């Protein structure tokens, strides 16, 4: 969990304002609350 929080923080700090794709192995399932900051900024294509 501490690594996951640091990774999400790093992602948010490096997100451009437009035209961005974020992908990879997050080692988190979709209901993980630590994904919330990303979901607030970006659209999950799994929808």
ModelCIF file with pLDDT and N, C-alpha, C, O atoms, coordinates in Angstrom:
data_MODEL
#
_entry.id   MODEL 
#
_entity.id                         1 
_entity.type                       polymer 
_entity.pdbx_number_of_molecules   1 
#
_entity_poly.entity_id                      1 
_entity_poly.type                           'polypeptide(L)' 
_entity_poly.nstd_linkage                   no 
_entity_poly.nstd_monomer                   no 
_entity_poly.pdbx_seq_one_letter_code       
;(UNK)(UNK)(UNK)(UNK)(UNK)(UNK)(UNK)(UNK)(UNK)(UNK)(UNK)(UNK)(UNK)(UNK)(UNK)(UNK)
(UNK)(UNK)(UNK)(UNK)(UNK)(UNK)(UNK)(UNK)(UNK)(UNK)(UNK)(UNK)(UNK)(UNK)(UNK)(UNK)
(UNK)(UNK)(UNK)(UNK)(UNK)(UNK)(UNK)(UNK)(UNK)(UNK)(UNK)(UNK)(UNK)(UNK)(UNK)
;
_entity_poly.pdbx_seq_one_letter_code_can   XXXXXXXXXXXXXXXXXXXXXXXXXXXXXXXXXXXXXXXXXXXXXXX 
_entity_poly.pdbx_strand_id                 A 
#
loop_
_entity_poly_seq.entity_id 
_entity_poly_seq.num 
_entity_poly_seq.mon_id 
_entity_poly_seq.hetero 
1 1  UNK n 
1 2  UNK n 
1 3  UNK n 
1 4  UNK n 
1 5  UNK n 
1 6  UNK n 
1 7  UNK n 
1 8  UNK n 
1 9  UNK n 
1 10 UNK n 
1 11 UNK n 
1 12 UNK n 
1 13 UNK n 
1 14 UNK n 
1 15 UNK n 
1 16 UNK n 
1 17 UNK n 
1 18 UNK n 
1 19 UNK n 
1 20 UNK n 
1 21 UNK n 
1 22 UNK n 
1 23 UNK n 
1 24 UNK n 
1 25 UNK n 
1 26 UNK n 
1 27 UNK n 
1 28 UNK n 
1 29 UNK n 
1 30 UNK n 
1 31 UNK n 
1 32 UNK n 
1 33 UNK n 
1 34 UNK n 
1 35 UNK n 
1 36 UNK n 
1 37 UNK n 
1 38 UNK n 
1 39 UNK n 
1 40 UNK n 
1 41 UNK n 
1 42 UNK n 
1 43 UNK n 
1 44 UNK n 
1 45 UNK n 
1 46 UNK n 
1 47 UNK n 
#
_struct_asym.id          A 
_struct_asym.entity_id   1 
#
loop_
_ma_qa_metric.id 
_ma_qa_metric.mode 
_ma_qa_metric.name 
_ma_qa_metric.software_group_id 
_ma_qa_metric.type 
1 global pLDDT . pLDDT 
2 local  pLDDT . pLDDT 
#
_ma_qa_metric_global.metric_id      1 
_ma_qa_metric_global.metric_value   97.47 
_ma_qa_metric_global.model_id       1 
_ma_qa_metric_global.ordinal_id     1 
#
loop_
_ma_qa_metric_local.label_asym_id 
_ma_qa_metric_local.label_comp_id 
_ma_qa_metric_local.label_seq_id 
_ma_qa_metric_local.metric_id 
_ma_qa_metric_local.metric_value 
_ma_qa_metric_local.model_id 
_ma_qa_metric_local.ordinal_id 
A UNK 1  2 95.00 1 1  
A UNK 2  2 94.00 1 2  
A UNK 3  2 96.00 1 3  
A UNK 4  2 97.00 1 4  
A UNK 5  2 97.00 1 5  
A UNK 6  2 97.00 1 6  
A UNK 7  2 98.00 1 7  
A UNK 8  2 98.00 1 8  
A UNK 9  2 98.00 1 9  
A UNK 10 2 98.00 1 10 
A UNK 11 2 98.00 1 11 
A UNK 12 2 98.00 1 12 
A UNK 13 2 98.00 1 13 
A UNK 14 2 98.00 1 14 
A UNK 15 2 97.00 1 15 
A UNK 16 2 96.00 1 16 
A UNK 17 2 92.00 1 17 
A UNK 18 2 96.00 1 18 
A UNK 19 2 98.00 1 19 
A UNK 20 2 98.00 1 20 
A UNK 21 2 98.00 1 21 
A UNK 22 2 98.00 1 22 
A UNK 23 2 99.00 1 23 
A UNK 24 2 98.00 1 24 
A UNK 25 2 98.00 1 25 
A UNK 26 2 98.00 1 26 
A UNK 27 2 98.00 1 27 
A UNK 28 2 98.00 1 28 
A UNK 29 2 98.00 1 29 
A UNK 30 2 98.00 1 30 
A UNK 31 2 97.00 1 31 
A UNK 32 2 98.00 1 32 
A UNK 33 2 98.00 1 33 
A UNK 34 2 98.00 1 34 
A UNK 35 2 98.00 1 35 
A UNK 36 2 98.00 1 36 
A UNK 37 2 98.00 1 37 
A UNK 38 2 98.00 1 38 
A UNK 39 2 98.00 1 39 
A UNK 40 2 98.00 1 40 
A UNK 41 2 97.00 1 41 
A UNK 42 2 98.00 1 42 
A UNK 43 2 98.00 1 43 
A UNK 44 2 98.00 1 44 
A UNK 45 2 98.00 1 45 
A UNK 46 2 98.00 1 46 
A UNK 47 2 97.00 1 47 
#
loop_
_atom_site.group_PDB 
_atom_site.id 
_atom_site.type_symbol 
_atom_site.label_atom_id 
_atom_site.label_alt_id 
_atom_site.label_comp_id 
_atom_site.label_asym_id 
_atom_site.label_entity_id 
_atom_site.label_seq_id 
_atom_site.pdbx_PDB_ins_code 
_atom_site.Cartn_x 
_atom_site.Cartn_y 
_atom_site.Cartn_z 
_atom_site.occupancy 
_atom_site.B_iso_or_equiv 
_atom_site.pdbx_formal_charge 
_atom_site.auth_seq_id 
_atom_site.auth_comp_id 
_atom_site.auth_asym_id 
_atom_site.auth_atom_id 
_atom_site.pdbx_PDB_model_num 
ATOM 1   N N  . UNK A 1 1  ? 0.810   -1.218 0.000   1.00 95.00 ? 1  UNK A N  1 
ATOM 2   C CA . UNK A 1 1  ? 0.000   0.000  0.000   1.00 95.00 ? 1  UNK A CA 1 
ATOM 3   C C  . UNK A 1 1  ? 0.847   1.273  0.000   1.00 95.00 ? 1  UNK A C  1 
ATOM 4   O O  . UNK A 1 1  ? 0.528   2.202  -0.742  1.00 95.00 ? 1  UNK A O  1 
ATOM 5   N N  . UNK A 1 2  ? 1.920   1.355  0.808   1.00 94.00 ? 2  UNK A N  1 
ATOM 6   C CA . UNK A 1 2  ? 2.740   2.572  0.741   1.00 94.00 ? 2  UNK A CA 1 
ATOM 7   C C  . UNK A 1 2  ? 3.325   2.827  -0.648  1.00 94.00 ? 2  UNK A C  1 
ATOM 8   O O  . UNK A 1 2  ? 3.409   3.974  -1.087  1.00 94.00 ? 2  UNK A O  1 
ATOM 9   N N  . UNK A 1 3  ? 3.728   1.764  -1.334  1.00 96.00 ? 3  UNK A N  1 
ATOM 10  C CA . UNK A 1 3  ? 4.256   1.918  -2.694  1.00 96.00 ? 3  UNK A CA 1 
ATOM 11  C C  . UNK A 1 3  ? 3.156   2.387  -3.654  1.00 96.00 ? 3  UNK A C  1 
ATOM 12  O O  . UNK A 1 3  ? 3.393   3.215  -4.534  1.00 96.00 ? 3  UNK A O  1 
ATOM 13  N N  . UNK A 1 4  ? 1.964   1.847  -3.469  1.00 97.00 ? 4  UNK A N  1 
ATOM 14  C CA . UNK A 1 4  ? 0.850   2.228  -4.335  1.00 97.00 ? 4  UNK A CA 1 
ATOM 15  C C  . UNK A 1 4  ? 0.517   3.707  -4.180  1.00 97.00 ? 4  UNK A C  1 
ATOM 16  O O  . UNK A 1 4  ? 0.274   4.402  -5.166  1.00 97.00 ? 4  UNK A O  1 
ATOM 17  N N  . UNK A 1 5  ? 0.507   4.179  -2.951  1.00 97.00 ? 5  UNK A N  1 
ATOM 18  C CA . UNK A 1 5  ? 0.219   5.598  -2.705  1.00 97.00 ? 5  UNK A CA 1 
ATOM 19  C C  . UNK A 1 5  ? 1.279   6.490  -3.341  1.00 97.00 ? 5  UNK A C  1 
ATOM 20  O O  . UNK A 1 5  ? 0.948   7.528  -3.913  1.00 97.00 ? 5  UNK A O  1 
ATOM 21  N N  . UNK A 1 6  ? 2.538   6.102  -3.251  1.00 97.00 ? 6  UNK A N  1 
ATOM 22  C CA . UNK A 1 6  ? 3.610   6.882  -3.867  1.00 97.00 ? 6  UNK A CA 1 
ATOM 23  C C  . UNK A 1 6  ? 3.503   6.863  -5.392  1.00 97.00 ? 6  UNK A C  1 
ATOM 24  O O  . UNK A 1 6  ? 3.771   7.870  -6.048  1.00 97.00 ? 6  UNK A O  1 
ATOM 25  N N  . UNK A 1 7  ? 3.113   5.725  -5.951  1.00 98.00 ? 7  UNK A N  1 
ATOM 26  C CA . UNK A 1 7  ? 2.965   5.632  -7.403  1.00 98.00 ? 7  UNK A CA 1 
ATOM 27  C C  . UNK A 1 7  ? 1.835   6.527  -7.897  1.00 98.00 ? 7  UNK A C  1 
ATOM 28  O O  . UNK A 1 7  ? 1.991   7.234  -8.892  1.00 98.00 ? 7  UNK A O  1 
ATOM 29  N N  . UNK A 1 8  ? 0.698   6.500  -7.203  1.00 98.00 ? 8  UNK A N  1 
ATOM 30  C CA . UNK A 1 8  ? -0.433  7.350  -7.596  1.00 98.00 ? 8  UNK A CA 1 
ATOM 31  C C  . UNK A 1 8  ? -0.045  8.821  -7.481  1.00 98.00 ? 8  UNK A C  1 
ATOM 32  O O  . UNK A 1 8  ? -0.384  9.621  -8.353  1.00 98.00 ? 8  UNK A O  1 
ATOM 33  N N  . UNK A 1 9  ? 0.655   9.177  -6.427  1.00 98.00 ? 9  UNK A N  1 
ATOM 34  C CA . UNK A 1 9  ? 1.113   10.556 -6.253  1.00 98.00 ? 9  UNK A CA 1 
ATOM 35  C C  . UNK A 1 9  ? 2.031   10.975 -7.397  1.00 98.00 ? 9  UNK A C  1 
ATOM 36  O O  . UNK A 1 9  ? 1.931   12.094 -7.900  1.00 98.00 ? 9  UNK A O  1 
ATOM 37  N N  . UNK A 1 10 ? 2.927   10.075 -7.807  1.00 98.00 ? 10 UNK A N  1 
ATOM 38  C CA . UNK A 1 10 ? 3.848   10.362 -8.910  1.00 98.00 ? 10 UNK A CA 1 
ATOM 39  C C  . UNK A 1 10 ? 3.090   10.534 -10.214 1.00 98.00 ? 10 UNK A C  1 
ATOM 40  O O  . UNK A 1 10 ? 3.409   11.424 -11.004 1.00 98.00 ? 10 UNK A O  1 
ATOM 41  N N  . UNK A 1 11 ? 2.097   9.699  -10.447 1.00 98.00 ? 11 UNK A N  1 
ATOM 42  C CA . UNK A 1 11 ? 1.276   9.819  -11.660 1.00 98.00 ? 11 UNK A CA 1 
ATOM 43  C C  . UNK A 1 11 ? 0.567   11.172 -11.686 1.00 98.00 ? 11 UNK A C  1 
ATOM 44  O O  . UNK A 1 11 ? 0.632   11.891 -12.682 1.00 98.00 ? 11 UNK A O  1 
ATOM 45  N N  . UNK A 1 12 ? -0.102  11.513 -10.602 1.00 98.00 ? 12 UNK A N  1 
ATOM 46  C CA . UNK A 1 12 ? -0.863  12.768 -10.553 1.00 98.00 ? 12 UNK A CA 1 
ATOM 47  C C  . UNK A 1 12 ? 0.055   13.964 -10.765 1.00 98.00 ? 12 UNK A C  1 
ATOM 48  O O  . UNK A 1 12 ? -0.325  14.928 -11.429 1.00 98.00 ? 12 UNK A O  1 
ATOM 49  N N  . UNK A 1 13 ? 1.259   13.910 -10.205 1.00 98.00 ? 13 UNK A N  1 
ATOM 50  C CA . UNK A 1 13 ? 2.206   15.023 -10.345 1.00 98.00 ? 13 UNK A CA 1 
ATOM 51  C C  . UNK A 1 13 ? 2.747   15.169 -11.755 1.00 98.00 ? 13 UNK A C  1 
ATOM 52  O O  . UNK A 1 13 ? 3.319   16.205 -12.095 1.00 98.00 ? 13 UNK A O  1 
ATOM 53  N N  . UNK A 1 14 ? 2.574   14.147 -12.577 1.00 98.00 ? 14 UNK A N  1 
ATOM 54  C CA . UNK A 1 14 ? 3.126   14.178 -13.933 1.00 98.00 ? 14 UNK A CA 1 
ATOM 55  C C  . UNK A 1 14 ? 2.063   14.094 -15.029 1.00 98.00 ? 14 UNK A C  1 
ATOM 56  O O  . UNK A 1 14 ? 2.389   13.872 -16.195 1.00 98.00 ? 14 UNK A O  1 
ATOM 57  N N  . UNK A 1 15 ? 0.793   14.272 -14.657 1.00 97.00 ? 15 UNK A N  1 
ATOM 58  C CA . UNK A 1 15 ? -0.271  14.253 -15.653 1.00 97.00 ? 15 UNK A CA 1 
ATOM 59  C C  . UNK A 1 15 ? -0.326  15.579 -16.407 1.00 97.00 ? 15 UNK A C  1 
ATOM 60  O O  . UNK A 1 15 ? -0.429  16.633 -15.779 1.00 97.00 ? 15 UNK A O  1 
ATOM 61  N N  . UNK A 1 16 ? -0.260  15.552 -17.718 1.00 96.00 ? 16 UNK A N  1 
ATOM 62  C CA . UNK A 1 16 ? -0.513  16.781 -18.469 1.00 96.00 ? 16 UNK A CA 1 
ATOM 63  C C  . UNK A 1 16 ? -1.995  17.139 -18.427 1.00 96.00 ? 16 UNK A C  1 
ATOM 64  O O  . UNK A 1 16 ? -2.827  16.317 -18.044 1.00 96.00 ? 16 UNK A O  1 
ATOM 65  N N  . UNK A 1 17 ? -2.316  18.350 -18.816 1.00 92.00 ? 17 UNK A N  1 
ATOM 66  C CA . UNK A 1 17 ? -3.710  18.811 -18.742 1.00 92.00 ? 17 UNK A CA 1 
ATOM 67  C C  . UNK A 1 17 ? -4.589  18.240 -19.839 1.00 92.00 ? 17 UNK A C  1 
ATOM 68  O O  . UNK A 1 17 ? -5.812  18.226 -19.705 1.00 92.00 ? 17 UNK A O  1 
ATOM 69  N N  . UNK A 1 18 ? -3.981  17.764 -20.930 1.00 96.00 ? 18 UNK A N  1 
ATOM 70  C CA . UNK A 1 18 ? -4.793  17.272 -22.040 1.00 96.00 ? 18 UNK A CA 1 
ATOM 71  C C  . UNK A 1 18 ? -4.065  16.190 -22.818 1.00 96.00 ? 18 UNK A C  1 
ATOM 72  O O  . UNK A 1 18 ? -2.843  16.064 -22.740 1.00 96.00 ? 18 UNK A O  1 
ATOM 73  N N  . UNK A 1 19 ? -4.836  15.405 -23.575 1.00 98.00 ? 19 UNK A N  1 
ATOM 74  C CA . UNK A 1 19 ? -4.339  14.391 -24.507 1.00 98.00 ? 19 UNK A CA 1 
ATOM 75  C C  . UNK A 1 19 ? -3.325  13.452 -23.846 1.00 98.00 ? 19 UNK A C  1 
ATOM 76  O O  . UNK A 1 19 ? -2.154  13.402 -24.223 1.00 98.00 ? 19 UNK A O  1 
ATOM 77  N N  . UNK A 1 20 ? -3.815  12.710 -22.848 1.00 98.00 ? 20 UNK A N  1 
ATOM 78  C CA . UNK A 1 20 ? -2.942  11.806 -22.107 1.00 98.00 ? 20 UNK A CA 1 
ATOM 79  C C  . UNK A 1 20 ? -3.522  10.394 -22.079 1.00 98.00 ? 20 UNK A C  1 
ATOM 80  O O  . UNK A 1 20 ? -4.735  10.206 -21.989 1.00 98.00 ? 20 UNK A O  1 
ATOM 81  N N  . UNK A 1 21 ? -2.633  9.413  -22.157 1.00 98.00 ? 21 UNK A N  1 
ATOM 82  C CA . UNK A 1 21 ? -2.970  7.998  -21.983 1.00 98.00 ? 21 UNK A CA 1 
ATOM 83  C C  . UNK A 1 21 ? -2.089  7.460  -20.864 1.00 98.00 ? 21 UNK A C  1 
ATOM 84  O O  . UNK A 1 21 ? -0.869  7.618  -20.897 1.00 98.00 ? 21 UNK A O  1 
ATOM 85  N N  . UNK A 1 22 ? -2.706  6.828  -19.879 1.00 98.00 ? 22 UNK A N  1 
ATOM 86  C CA . UNK A 1 22 ? -2.001  6.217  -18.752 1.00 98.00 ? 22 UNK A CA 1 
ATOM 87  C C  . UNK A 1 22 ? -2.304  4.734  -18.760 1.00 98.00 ? 22 UNK A C  1 
ATOM 88  O O  . UNK A 1 22 ? -3.468  4.337  -18.809 1.00 98.00 ? 22 UNK A O  1 
ATOM 89  N N  . UNK A 1 23 ? -1.255  3.902  -18.711 1.00 99.00 ? 23 UNK A N  1 
ATOM 90  C CA . UNK A 1 23 ? -1.516  2.463  -18.755 1.00 99.00 ? 23 UNK A CA 1 
ATOM 91  C C  . UNK A 1 23 ? -0.446  1.685  -18.016 1.00 99.00 ? 23 UNK A C  1 
ATOM 92  O O  . UNK A 1 23 ? 0.652   2.181  -17.762 1.00 99.00 ? 23 UNK A O  1 
ATOM 93  N N  . UNK A 1 24 ? -0.797  0.445  -17.676 1.00 98.00 ? 24 UNK A N  1 
ATOM 94  C CA . UNK A 1 24 ? 0.160   -0.437 -17.045 1.00 98.00 ? 24 UNK A CA 1 
ATOM 95  C C  . UNK A 1 24 ? -0.470  -1.394 -16.055 1.00 98.00 ? 24 UNK A C  1 
ATOM 96  O O  . UNK A 1 24 ? -1.690  -1.497 -15.928 1.00 98.00 ? 24 UNK A O  1 
ATOM 97  N N  . UNK A 1 25 ? 0.425   -2.095 -15.353 1.00 98.00 ? 25 UNK A N  1 
ATOM 98  C CA . UNK A 1 25 ? 0.048   -3.029 -14.294 1.00 98.00 ? 25 UNK A CA 1 
ATOM 99  C C  . UNK A 1 25 ? 0.054   -2.243 -12.985 1.00 98.00 ? 25 UNK A C  1 
ATOM 100 O O  . UNK A 1 25 ? 1.109   -1.836 -12.500 1.00 98.00 ? 25 UNK A O  1 
ATOM 101 N N  . UNK A 1 26 ? -1.139  -2.035 -12.418 1.00 98.00 ? 26 UNK A N  1 
ATOM 102 C CA . UNK A 1 26 ? -1.276  -1.221 -11.208 1.00 98.00 ? 26 UNK A CA 1 
ATOM 103 C C  . UNK A 1 26 ? -1.275  -2.057 -9.924  1.00 98.00 ? 26 UNK A C  1 
ATOM 104 O O  . UNK A 1 26 ? -1.202  -1.498 -8.830  1.00 98.00 ? 26 UNK A O  1 
ATOM 105 N N  . UNK A 1 27 ? -1.354  -3.378 -10.042 1.00 98.00 ? 27 UNK A N  1 
ATOM 106 C CA . UNK A 1 27 ? -1.435  -4.242 -8.869  1.00 98.00 ? 27 UNK A CA 1 
ATOM 107 C C  . UNK A 1 27 ? -2.549  -3.813 -7.905  1.00 98.00 ? 27 UNK A C  1 
ATOM 108 O O  . UNK A 1 27 ? -2.428  -3.980 -6.691  1.00 98.00 ? 27 UNK A O  1 
ATOM 109 N N  . UNK A 1 28 ? -3.620  -3.268 -8.453  1.00 98.00 ? 28 UNK A N  1 
ATOM 110 C CA . UNK A 1 28 ? -4.803  -2.873 -7.688  1.00 98.00 ? 28 UNK A CA 1 
ATOM 111 C C  . UNK A 1 28 ? -6.042  -3.307 -8.449  1.00 98.00 ? 28 UNK A C  1 
ATOM 112 O O  . UNK A 1 28 ? -6.108  -3.171 -9.670  1.00 98.00 ? 28 UNK A O  1 
ATOM 113 N N  . UNK A 1 29 ? -7.020  -3.827 -7.728  1.00 98.00 ? 29 UNK A N  1 
ATOM 114 C CA . UNK A 1 29 ? -8.279  -4.185 -8.360  1.00 98.00 ? 29 UNK A CA 1 
ATOM 115 C C  . UNK A 1 29 ? -9.164  -2.942 -8.510  1.00 98.00 ? 29 UNK A C  1 
ATOM 116 O O  . UNK A 1 29 ? -8.927  -1.940 -7.836  1.00 98.00 ? 29 UNK A O  1 
ATOM 117 N N  . UNK A 1 30 ? -10.166 -2.990 -9.372  1.00 98.00 ? 30 UNK A N  1 
ATOM 118 C CA . UNK A 1 30 ? -10.940 -1.784 -9.706  1.00 98.00 ? 30 UNK A CA 1 
ATOM 119 C C  . UNK A 1 30 ? -11.595 -1.070 -8.531  1.00 98.00 ? 30 UNK A C  1 
ATOM 120 O O  . UNK A 1 30 ? -11.802 0.142  -8.592  1.00 98.00 ? 30 UNK A O  1 
ATOM 121 N N  . UNK A 1 31 ? -11.926 -1.790 -7.463  1.00 97.00 ? 31 UNK A N  1 
ATOM 122 C CA . UNK A 1 31 ? -12.576 -1.145 -6.328  1.00 97.00 ? 31 UNK A CA 1 
ATOM 123 C C  . UNK A 1 31 ? -11.587 -0.575 -5.311  1.00 97.00 ? 31 UNK A C  1 
ATOM 124 O O  . UNK A 1 31 ? -11.999 -0.127 -4.241  1.00 97.00 ? 31 UNK A O  1 
ATOM 125 N N  . UNK A 1 32 ? -10.308 -0.584 -5.622  1.00 98.00 ? 32 UNK A N  1 
ATOM 126 C CA . UNK A 1 32 ? -9.297  -0.084 -4.684  1.00 98.00 ? 32 UNK A CA 1 
ATOM 127 C C  . UNK A 1 32 ? -9.447  1.430  -4.511  1.00 98.00 ? 32 UNK A C  1 
ATOM 128 O O  . UNK A 1 32 ? -9.409  2.155  -5.505  1.00 98.00 ? 32 UNK A O  1 
ATOM 129 N N  . UNK A 1 33 ? -9.617  1.929  -3.287  1.00 98.00 ? 33 UNK A N  1 
ATOM 130 C CA . UNK A 1 33 ? -9.799  3.370  -3.082  1.00 98.00 ? 33 UNK A CA 1 
ATOM 131 C C  . UNK A 1 33 ? -8.575  4.203  -3.456  1.00 98.00 ? 33 UNK A C  1 
ATOM 132 O O  . UNK A 1 33 ? -8.689  5.408  -3.680  1.00 98.00 ? 33 UNK A O  1 
ATOM 133 N N  . UNK A 1 34 ? -7.405  3.567  -3.525  1.00 98.00 ? 34 UNK A N  1 
ATOM 134 C CA . UNK A 1 34 ? -6.198  4.320  -3.873  1.00 98.00 ? 34 UNK A CA 1 
ATOM 135 C C  . UNK A 1 34 ? -6.190  4.775  -5.331  1.00 98.00 ? 34 UNK A C  1 
ATOM 136 O O  . UNK A 1 34 ? -5.375  5.614  -5.715  1.00 98.00 ? 34 UNK A O  1 
ATOM 137 N N  . UNK A 1 35 ? -7.097  4.224  -6.146  1.00 98.00 ? 35 UNK A N  1 
ATOM 138 C CA . UNK A 1 35 ? -7.219  4.660  -7.534  1.00 98.00 ? 35 UNK A CA 1 
ATOM 139 C C  . UNK A 1 35 ? -8.058  5.931  -7.671  1.00 98.00 ? 35 UNK A C  1 
ATOM 140 O O  . UNK A 1 35 ? -8.120  6.509  -8.756  1.00 98.00 ? 35 UNK A O  1 
ATOM 141 N N  . UNK A 1 36 ? -8.694  6.368  -6.606  1.00 98.00 ? 36 UNK A N  1 
ATOM 142 C CA . UNK A 1 36 ? -9.634  7.494  -6.674  1.00 98.00 ? 36 UNK A CA 1 
ATOM 143 C C  . UNK A 1 36 ? -9.036  8.763  -7.284  1.00 98.00 ? 36 UNK A C  1 
ATOM 144 O O  . UNK A 1 36 ? -9.697  9.378  -8.121  1.00 98.00 ? 36 UNK A O  1 
ATOM 145 N N  . UNK A 1 37 ? -7.819  9.195  -6.914  1.00 98.00 ? 37 UNK A N  1 
ATOM 146 C CA . UNK A 1 37 ? -7.271  10.418 -7.514  1.00 98.00 ? 37 UNK A CA 1 
ATOM 147 C C  . UNK A 1 37 ? -7.108  10.325 -9.036  1.00 98.00 ? 37 UNK A C  1 
ATOM 148 O O  . UNK A 1 37 ? -7.246  11.320 -9.748  1.00 98.00 ? 37 UNK A O  1 
ATOM 149 N N  . UNK A 1 38 ? -6.813  9.116  -9.519  1.00 98.00 ? 38 UNK A N  1 
ATOM 150 C CA . UNK A 1 38 ? -6.688  8.931  -10.970 1.00 98.00 ? 38 UNK A CA 1 
ATOM 151 C C  . UNK A 1 38 ? -8.063  8.974  -11.620 1.00 98.00 ? 38 UNK A C  1 
ATOM 152 O O  . UNK A 1 38 ? -8.241  9.604  -12.662 1.00 98.00 ? 38 UNK A O  1 
ATOM 153 N N  . UNK A 1 39 ? -9.020  8.317  -11.015 1.00 98.00 ? 39 UNK A N  1 
ATOM 154 C CA . UNK A 1 39 ? -10.375 8.303  -11.570 1.00 98.00 ? 39 UNK A CA 1 
ATOM 155 C C  . UNK A 1 39 ? -10.987 9.708  -11.607 1.00 98.00 ? 39 UNK A C  1 
ATOM 156 O O  . UNK A 1 39 ? -11.809 10.005 -12.473 1.00 98.00 ? 39 UNK A O  1 
ATOM 157 N N  . UNK A 1 40 ? -10.589 10.560 -10.677 1.00 98.00 ? 40 UNK A N  1 
ATOM 158 C CA . UNK A 1 40 ? -11.097 11.936 -10.675 1.00 98.00 ? 40 UNK A CA 1 
ATOM 159 C C  . UNK A 1 40 ? -10.587 12.722 -11.879 1.00 98.00 ? 40 UNK A C  1 
ATOM 160 O O  . UNK A 1 40 ? -11.247 13.653 -12.341 1.00 98.00 ? 40 UNK A O  1 
ATOM 161 N N  . UNK A 1 41 ? -9.418  12.350 -12.383 1.00 97.00 ? 41 UNK A N  1 
ATOM 162 C CA . UNK A 1 41 ? -8.793  13.099 -13.477 1.00 97.00 ? 41 UNK A CA 1 
ATOM 163 C C  . UNK A 1 41 ? -8.991  12.452 -14.847 1.00 97.00 ? 41 UNK A C  1 
ATOM 164 O O  . UNK A 1 41 ? -9.059  13.141 -15.865 1.00 97.00 ? 41 UNK A O  1 
ATOM 165 N N  . UNK A 1 42 ? -9.084  11.119 -14.861 1.00 98.00 ? 42 UNK A N  1 
ATOM 166 C CA . UNK A 1 42 ? -9.059  10.392 -16.128 1.00 98.00 ? 42 UNK A CA 1 
ATOM 167 C C  . UNK A 1 42 ? -10.244 9.431  -16.245 1.00 98.00 ? 42 UNK A C  1 
ATOM 168 O O  . UNK A 1 42 ? -10.889 9.086  -15.256 1.00 98.00 ? 42 UNK A O  1 
ATOM 169 N N  . UNK A 1 43 ? -10.509 9.009  -17.489 1.00 98.00 ? 43 UNK A N  1 
ATOM 170 C CA . UNK A 1 43 ? -11.580 8.058  -17.798 1.00 98.00 ? 43 UNK A CA 1 
ATOM 171 C C  . UNK A 1 43 ? -11.007 6.649  -17.858 1.00 98.00 ? 43 UNK A C  1 
ATOM 172 O O  . UNK A 1 43 ? -9.986  6.415  -18.505 1.00 98.00 ? 43 UNK A O  1 
ATOM 173 N N  . UNK A 1 44 ? -11.661 5.717  -17.188 1.00 98.00 ? 44 UNK A N  1 
ATOM 174 C CA . UNK A 1 44 ? -11.265 4.317  -17.191 1.00 98.00 ? 44 UNK A CA 1 
ATOM 175 C C  . UNK A 1 44 ? -11.894 3.631  -18.401 1.00 98.00 ? 44 UNK A C  1 
ATOM 176 O O  . UNK A 1 44 ? -13.116 3.497  -18.471 1.00 98.00 ? 44 UNK A O  1 
ATOM 177 N N  . UNK A 1 45 ? -11.076 3.199  -19.347 1.00 98.00 ? 45 UNK A N  1 
ATOM 178 C CA . UNK A 1 45 ? -11.601 2.593  -20.573 1.00 98.00 ? 45 UNK A CA 1 
ATOM 179 C C  . UNK A 1 45 ? -12.363 1.299  -20.302 1.00 98.00 ? 45 UNK A C  1 
ATOM 180 O O  . UNK A 1 45 ? -13.130 0.850  -21.154 1.00 98.00 ? 45 UNK A O  1 
ATOM 181 N N  . UNK A 1 46 ? -12.165 0.688  -19.126 1.00 98.00 ? 46 UNK A N  1 
ATOM 182 C CA . UNK A 1 46 ? -12.886 -0.542 -18.792 1.00 98.00 ? 46 UNK A CA 1 
ATOM 183 C C  . UNK A 1 46 ? -14.394 -0.321 -18.702 1.00 98.00 ? 46 UNK A C  1 
ATOM 184 O O  . UNK A 1 46 ? -15.161 -1.284 -18.704 1.00 98.00 ? 46 UNK A O  1 
ATOM 185 N N  . UNK A 1 47 ? -14.816 0.920  -18.625 1.00 97.00 ? 47 UNK A N  1 
ATOM 186 C CA . UNK A 1 47 ? -16.254 1.200  -18.607 1.00 97.00 ? 47 UNK A CA 1 
ATOM 187 C C  . UNK A 1 47 ? -16.922 0.778  -19.913 1.00 97.00 ? 47 UNK A C  1 
ATOM 188 O O  . UNK A 1 47 ? -18.132 0.942  -20.068 1.00 97.00 ? 47 UNK A O  1 
#
